[in-house]
Amino acid sequence: MEVGSRGCGSVCLAMRRLAALLVLAAAVFMPVRAAAQTSAGSVLEETVAPGRNYDKAEFRLWLPKGVEAVQAIAVLVPGSNGDGRGQVDDPVWQDFAVRHKLALVGVRLTDKPHDQGFIEEYVNVSQGSGQAFLDAMTAFASRARHPELATAPFLLWGMSAGGEFNYEFVCWKPERVVAFVVNKGNIYYTALAPKAARSVPGILFTGGKDLEFRTQTITGLFAVNRRAGALWALAEEPSAAHVVGRSRDVALALFEDELALRAGGGSLKDVSEKSGFLGDLKAKTFQALGEDKVPNYPTAWLPTARVAERWQWLVTEKP
């Protein structure tokens, strides 16, 4: 047998070359297959003409492959005048959608030019932008041949102005919302939410290193509505600035648990305050509510033990 320069015969060299080719093929094809598995679904785009309180209204729908009927729509709303349509490509959201038979909708809404750009007029949803969003859902229902999209309930996720949009949408159409988040936002148009909106579970996130006026605004919004019985939690992440931070991890637990408790069988089920947990905002602890009377100082209302544990994880910044 002829021996190569490194003491390996021709058969050995051939095997090495074959192994190298297999490694190269794996490197080339595996990422493509992984991406296909993550993004297996159909995508539609929808645009609504400019309206009273907004300029652009553009939406992207992502439907998991093979889903016969979605049970809810996760709505992904970006910060000020941003484009959230690409968020439907996020593998975390896609995995969540596949597991729970959800549609994903990424939102792009922008203001018409005005002299106070830090105030987003399009988040005042009752003035036109909310109807534009609902019109897009109706159009998606027809084009995707999923009629349930026109009436499916929403899980409202958003950051900054996205959270403002969520809050105002809950105030406007509470019967359509399973659960929602406010996330380090800025300007809100509604102080005391309608009673029906106060019955929609939500978490209001603040960042300990965010601008003080944002934190104070959200804290005040929480206080006035919680005093009126809102089934909401306030959650401050001490070292977070104006960023998502850990908020999505907590929101996913809220959404998952509320889907199980409220969705399915037509209209959304009511929430029992007594079945939840109370979070002590100062001690950063929680306990089951049961038949105990709600204290006369601000507390976080949390729907399940798992959400309460996630809330405590965020506010204490445990590893």
Foldseek 3Di string as FASTA:
>chain_A
DDADPVRHDPVRVVVVVVVVVVVVVCVVCVVVVVLCVLQAWDKDKDWDCDDDWWHTKIKMKTFHPPQPAAQAEEEEEEAAQDWFRCVQSPSVVSVLCVVRVYMYMTIGIHGDDDDDSLDRRVLLPVRPNVVRVLVVQCVCCVVVVHVCSNQHAYEQDYAASSLLSQLNVCLVCVQRYLEYERHLYADHDDQARPPSSLQREYEYEHELAEDPNSVVVSVNSQFVHVLVPRQYFYAYQHHDYRDCPCVVVLSSVQVVVSCVQFIDDPTTDTADQQQWKWADPVVLAIDRRHPPDDDNGDIHTGNDPVSSVSRSCRRVVDD
